[in-house]
Amino acid sequence: MSLELEHYCPECEEYRNFWKVASTTMHLGTKVKWHCPECDYGFVRINGEVDTGQTA
């Protein structure tokens, strides 16, 4: 898995390269935390399916 991910940042209101800041394995799968280096906005992905950075 890469250390960078291009993702939309709602704080910066544009696409940014987010940095992987943490990763752990749990019963749901691999949990990865990503942060925007510009504004420190962060989100979590679990197995690439559950994404707290997605809008409803």
PDB file of N, CA and C in Angstrom:
ATOM      1  N   MET A   1       0.840  -1.181   0.000  1.00  0.00           N
ATOM      2  CA  MET A   1       0.000   0.000   0.000  1.00  0.00           C
ATOM      3  C   MET A   1       0.884   1.242   0.000  1.00  0.00           C
ATOM      4  N   SER A   2       0.454   2.216  -0.725  1.00  0.00           N
ATOM      5  CA  SER A   2       1.193   3.463  -0.876  1.00  0.00           C
ATOM      6  C   SER A   2       1.121   4.316   0.395  1.00  0.00           C
ATOM      7  N   LEU A   3       2.063   5.222   0.523  1.00  0.00           N
ATOM      8  CA  LEU A   3       2.062   6.163   1.643  1.00  0.00           C
ATOM      9  C   LEU A   3       1.314   7.440   1.310  1.00  0.00           C
ATOM     10  N   GLU A   4       0.945   7.607   0.021  1.00  0.00           N
ATOM     11  CA  GLU A   4       0.196   8.777  -0.436  1.00  0.00           C
ATOM     12  C   GLU A   4      -1.089   8.344  -1.115  1.00  0.00           C
ATOM     13  N   LEU A   5      -2.111   9.208  -1.017  1.00  0.00           N
ATOM     14  CA  LEU A   5      -3.397   8.943  -1.645  1.00  0.00           C
ATOM     15  C   LEU A   5      -3.996  10.265  -2.095  1.00  0.00           C
ATOM     16  N   GLU A   6      -4.372  10.370  -3.363  1.00  0.00           N
ATOM     17  CA  GLU A   6      -5.037  11.578  -3.832  1.00  0.00           C
ATOM     18  C   GLU A   6      -6.512  11.475  -3.462  1.00  0.00           C
ATOM     19  N   HIS A   7      -7.024  12.489  -2.749  1.00  0.00           N
ATOM     20  CA  HIS A   7      -8.389  12.451  -2.227  1.00  0.00           C
ATOM     21  C   HIS A   7      -8.890  13.886  -2.108  1.00  0.00           C
ATOM     22  N   TYR A   8     -10.191  14.065  -2.213  1.00  0.00           N
ATOM     23  CA  TYR A   8     -10.765  15.403  -2.068  1.00  0.00           C
ATOM     24  C   TYR A   8     -10.732  15.828  -0.598  1.00  0.00           C
ATOM     25  N   CYS A   9     -10.242  17.023  -0.339  1.00  0.00           N
ATOM     26  CA  CYS A   9     -10.192  17.575   1.020  1.00  0.00           C
ATOM     27  C   CYS A   9     -11.293  18.620   1.162  1.00  0.00           C
ATOM     28  N   PRO A  10     -12.284  18.371   2.011  1.00  0.00           N
ATOM     29  CA  PRO A  10     -13.371  19.338   2.172  1.00  0.00           C
ATOM     30  C   PRO A  10     -12.929  20.646   2.850  1.00  0.00           C
ATOM     31  N   GLU A  11     -11.852  20.609   3.603  1.00  0.00           N
ATOM     32  CA  GLU A  11     -11.349  21.825   4.252  1.00  0.00           C
ATOM     33  C   GLU A  11     -10.652  22.724   3.238  1.00  0.00           C
ATOM     34  N   CYS A  12      -9.828  22.144   2.376  1.00  0.00           N
ATOM     35  CA  CYS A  12      -9.102  22.903   1.345  1.00  0.00           C
ATOM     36  C   CYS A  12      -9.970  23.132   0.104  1.00  0.00           C
ATOM     37  N   GLU A  13     -11.045  22.363  -0.024  1.00  0.00           N
ATOM     38  CA  GLU A  13     -11.973  22.413  -1.154  1.00  0.00           C
ATOM     39  C   GLU A  13     -11.293  22.108  -2.489  1.00  0.00           C
ATOM     40  N   GLU A  14     -10.361  21.160  -2.488  1.00  0.00           N
ATOM     41  CA  GLU A  14      -9.714  20.683  -3.703  1.00  0.00           C
ATOM     42  C   GLU A  14      -9.053  19.338  -3.417  1.00  0.00           C
ATOM     43  N   TYR A  15      -8.620  18.675  -4.486  1.00  0.00           N
ATOM     44  CA  TYR A  15      -7.929  17.396  -4.319  1.00  0.00           C
ATOM     45  C   TYR A  15      -6.516  17.645  -3.818  1.00  0.00           C
ATOM     46  N   ARG A  16      -6.098  16.822  -2.866  1.00  0.00           N
ATOM     47  CA  ARG A  16      -4.765  16.912  -2.263  1.00  0.00           C
ATOM     48  C   ARG A  16      -4.161  15.519  -2.174  1.00  0.00           C
ATOM     49  N   ASN A  17      -2.857  15.458  -1.995  1.00  0.00           N
ATOM     50  CA  ASN A  17      -2.192  14.196  -1.698  1.00  0.00           C
ATOM     51  C   ASN A  17      -2.183  14.017  -0.187  1.00  0.00           C
ATOM     52  N   PHE A  18      -2.955  13.052   0.299  1.00  0.00           N
ATOM     53  CA  PHE A  18      -3.015  12.748   1.721  1.00  0.00           C
ATOM     54  C   PHE A  18      -1.896  11.773   2.072  1.00  0.00           C
ATOM     55  N   TRP A  19      -1.416  11.869   3.306  1.00  0.00           N
ATOM     56  CA  TRP A  19      -0.365  10.986   3.791  1.00  0.00           C
ATOM     57  C   TRP A  19      -0.936   9.957   4.748  1.00  0.00           C
ATOM     58  N   LYS A  20      -0.477   8.736   4.616  1.00  0.00           N
ATOM     59  CA  LYS A  20      -0.858   7.664   5.540  1.00  0.00           C
ATOM     60  C   LYS A  20      -0.117   7.901   6.853  1.00  0.00           C
ATOM     61  N   VAL A  21      -0.873   8.049   7.947  1.00  0.00           N
ATOM     62  CA  VAL A  21      -0.240   8.346   9.235  1.00  0.00           C
ATOM     63  C   VAL A  21      -0.318   7.181  10.216  1.00  0.00           C
ATOM     64  N   ALA A  22      -1.200   6.210   9.952  1.00  0.00           N
ATOM     65  CA  ALA A  22      -1.307   5.054  10.840  1.00  0.00           C
ATOM     66  C   ALA A  22      -1.997   3.916  10.116  1.00  0.00           C
ATOM     67  N   SER A  23      -1.660   2.698  10.517  1.00  0.00           N
ATOM     68  CA  SER A  23      -2.295   1.512   9.960  1.00  0.00           C
ATOM     69  C   SER A  23      -2.288   0.425  11.014  1.00  0.00           C
ATOM     70  N   THR A  24      -3.405  -0.267  11.149  1.00  0.00           N
ATOM     71  CA  THR A  24      -3.494  -1.354  12.108  1.00  0.00           C
ATOM     72  C   THR A  24      -4.469  -2.407  11.590  1.00  0.00           C
ATOM     73  N   THR A  25      -4.258  -3.639  11.997  1.00  0.00           N
ATOM     74  CA  THR A  25      -5.157  -4.723  11.610  1.00  0.00           C
ATOM     75  C   THR A  25      -6.100  -4.993  12.779  1.00  0.00           C
ATOM     76  N   MET A  26      -7.381  -5.091  12.457  1.00  0.00           N
ATOM     77  CA  MET A  26      -8.396  -5.354  13.468  1.00  0.00           C
ATOM     78  C   MET A  26      -9.376  -6.379  12.909  1.00  0.00           C
ATOM     79  N   HIS A  27     -10.379  -6.750  13.670  1.00  0.00           N
ATOM     80  CA  HIS A  27     -11.294  -7.805  13.242  1.00  0.00           C
ATOM     81  C   HIS A  27     -12.082  -7.435  11.984  1.00  0.00           C
ATOM     82  N   LEU A  28     -12.247  -6.158  11.677  1.00  0.00           N
ATOM     83  CA  LEU A  28     -12.950  -5.722  10.467  1.00  0.00           C
ATOM     84  C   LEU A  28     -12.044  -5.688   9.243  1.00  0.00           C
ATOM     85  N   GLY A  29     -10.755  -5.723   9.463  1.00  0.00           N
ATOM     86  CA  GLY A  29      -9.779  -5.648   8.380  1.00  0.00           C
ATOM     87  C   GLY A  29      -8.685  -4.660   8.726  1.00  0.00           C
ATOM     88  N   THR A  30      -8.044  -4.110   7.717  1.00  0.00           N
ATOM     89  CA  THR A  30      -6.967  -3.146   7.927  1.00  0.00           C
ATOM     90  C   THR A  30      -7.539  -1.733   7.993  1.00  0.00           C
ATOM     91  N   LYS A  31      -7.253  -1.050   9.090  1.00  0.00           N
ATOM     92  CA  LYS A  31      -7.707   0.329   9.316  1.00  0.00           C
ATOM     93  C   LYS A  31      -6.536   1.259   9.012  1.00  0.00           C
ATOM     94  N   VAL A  32      -6.773   2.229   8.114  1.00  0.00           N
ATOM     95  CA  VAL A  32      -5.723   3.157   7.717  1.00  0.00           C
ATOM     96  C   VAL A  32      -6.212   4.586   7.932  1.00  0.00           C
ATOM     97  N   LYS A  33      -5.387   5.394   8.581  1.00  0.00           N
ATOM     98  CA  LYS A  33      -5.705   6.811   8.811  1.00  0.00           C
ATOM     99  C   LYS A  33      -4.913   7.654   7.825  1.00  0.00           C
ATOM    100  N   TRP A  34      -5.598   8.629   7.189  1.00  0.00           N
ATOM    101  CA  TRP A  34      -4.997   9.530   6.207  1.00  0.00           C
ATOM    102  C   TRP A  34      -5.178  10.971   6.663  1.00  0.00           C
ATOM    103  N   HIS A  35      -4.172  11.823   6.414  1.00  0.00           N
ATOM    104  CA  HIS A  35      -4.237  13.246   6.790  1.00  0.00           C
ATOM    105  C   HIS A  35      -3.750  14.127   5.659  1.00  0.00           C
ATOM    106  N   CYS A  36      -4.427  15.268   5.507  1.00  0.00           N
ATOM    107  CA  CYS A  36      -4.022  16.293   4.543  1.00  0.00           C
ATOM    108  C   CYS A  36      -2.865  17.084   5.164  1.00  0.00           C
ATOM    109  N   PRO A  37      -1.735  17.207   4.470  1.00  0.00           N
ATOM    110  CA  PRO A  37      -0.608  17.947   5.040  1.00  0.00           C
ATOM    111  C   PRO A  37      -0.823  19.454   5.070  1.00  0.00           C
ATOM    112  N   GLU A  38      -1.790  19.958   4.309  1.00  0.00           N
ATOM    113  CA  GLU A  38      -2.045  21.397   4.258  1.00  0.00           C
ATOM    114  C   GLU A  38      -2.874  21.893   5.443  1.00  0.00           C
ATOM    115  N   CYS A  39      -3.926  21.147   5.799  1.00  0.00           N
ATOM    116  CA  CYS A  39      -4.850  21.634   6.828  1.00  0.00           C
ATOM    117  C   CYS A  39      -5.049  20.646   7.978  1.00  0.00           C
ATOM    118  N   ASP A  40      -4.457  19.466   7.914  1.00  0.00           N
ATOM    119  CA  ASP A  40      -4.539  18.423   8.933  1.00  0.00           C
ATOM    120  C   ASP A  40      -5.912  17.750   9.014  1.00  0.00           C
ATOM    121  N   TYR A  41      -6.755  17.913   7.975  1.00  0.00           N
ATOM    122  CA  TYR A  41      -8.004  17.164   7.912  1.00  0.00           C
ATOM    123  C   TYR A  41      -7.657  15.684   7.755  1.00  0.00           C
ATOM    124  N   GLY A  42      -8.383  14.826   8.439  1.00  0.00           N
ATOM    125  CA  GLY A  42      -8.094  13.405   8.358  1.00  0.00           C
ATOM    126  C   GLY A  42      -9.335  12.561   8.180  1.00  0.00           C
ATOM    127  N   PHE A  43      -9.136  11.361   7.665  1.00  0.00           N
ATOM    128  CA  PHE A  43     -10.216  10.394   7.539  1.00  0.00           C
ATOM    129  C   PHE A  43      -9.647   8.988   7.680  1.00  0.00           C
ATOM    130  N   VAL A  44     -10.558   8.022   7.861  1.00  0.00           N
ATOM    131  CA  VAL A  44     -10.172   6.628   8.090  1.00  0.00           C
ATOM    132  C   VAL A  44     -10.810   5.752   7.030  1.00  0.00           C
ATOM    133  N   ARG A  45     -10.063   4.757   6.573  1.00  0.00           N
ATOM    134  CA  ARG A  45     -10.588   3.718   5.681  1.00  0.00           C
ATOM    135  C   ARG A  45     -10.341   2.368   6.329  1.00  0.00           C
ATOM    136  N   ILE A  46     -11.342   1.503   6.248  1.00  0.00           N
ATOM    137  CA  ILE A  46     -11.194   0.131   6.724  1.00  0.00           C
ATOM    138  C   ILE A  46     -11.391  -0.788   5.531  1.00  0.00           C
ATOM    139  N   ASN A  47     -10.344  -1.521   5.165  1.00  0.00           N
ATOM    140  CA  ASN A  47     -10.358  -2.406   3.993  1.00  0.00           C
ATOM    141  C   ASN A  47     -10.736  -1.691   2.715  1.00  0.00           C
ATOM    142  N   GLY A  48     -10.599  -0.382   2.641  1.00  0.00           N
ATOM    143  CA  GLY A  48     -10.952   0.374   1.450  1.00  0.00           C
ATOM    144  C   GLY A  48     -12.441   0.473   1.216  1.00  0.00           C
ATOM    145  N   GLU A  49     -13.252  -0.101   2.103  1.00  0.00           N
ATOM    146  CA  GLU A  49     -14.709  -0.104   1.925  1.00  0.00           C
ATOM    147  C   GLU A  49     -15.396   0.930   2.813  1.00  0.00           C
ATOM    148  N   VAL A  50     -15.056   0.954   4.087  1.00  0.00           N
ATOM    149  CA  VAL A  50     -15.626   1.928   5.014  1.00  0.00           C
ATOM    150  C   VAL A  50     -14.726   3.143   4.958  1.00  0.00           C
ATOM    151  N   ASP A  51     -15.296   4.297   4.613  1.00  0.00           N
ATOM    152  CA  ASP A  51     -14.505   5.503   4.405  1.00  0.00           C
ATOM    153  C   ASP A  51     -15.183   6.665   5.103  1.00  0.00           C
ATOM    154  N   THR A  52     -14.581   7.184   6.177  1.00  0.00           N
ATOM    155  CA  THR A  52     -15.183   8.299   6.910  1.00  0.00           C
ATOM    156  C   THR A  52     -15.010   9.615   6.166  1.00  0.00           C
ATOM    157  N   GLY A  53     -14.267   9.612   5.058  1.00  0.00           N
ATOM    158  CA  GLY A  53     -14.066  10.817   4.263  1.00  0.00           C
ATOM    159  C   GLY A  53     -15.096  10.993   3.165  1.00  0.00           C
ATOM    160  N   GLN A  54     -16.023  10.064   2.997  1.00  0.00           N
ATOM    161  CA  GLN A  54     -17.041  10.154   1.968  1.00  0.00           C
ATOM    162  C   GLN A  54     -18.208  11.010   2.452  1.00  0.00           C
ATOM    163  N   THR A  55     -18.766  11.761   1.547  1.00  0.00           N
ATOM    164  CA  THR A  55     -19.948  12.555   1.883  1.00  0.00           C
ATOM    165  C   THR A  55     -21.198  11.732   1.626  1.00  0.00           C
ATOM    166  N   ALA A  56     -22.255  12.017   2.366  1.00  0.00           N
ATOM    167  CA  ALA A  56     -23.501  11.249   2.233  1.00  0.00           C
ATOM    168  C   ALA A  56     -24.325  11.719   1.052  1.00  0.00           C
TER     169      ALA A  56
END
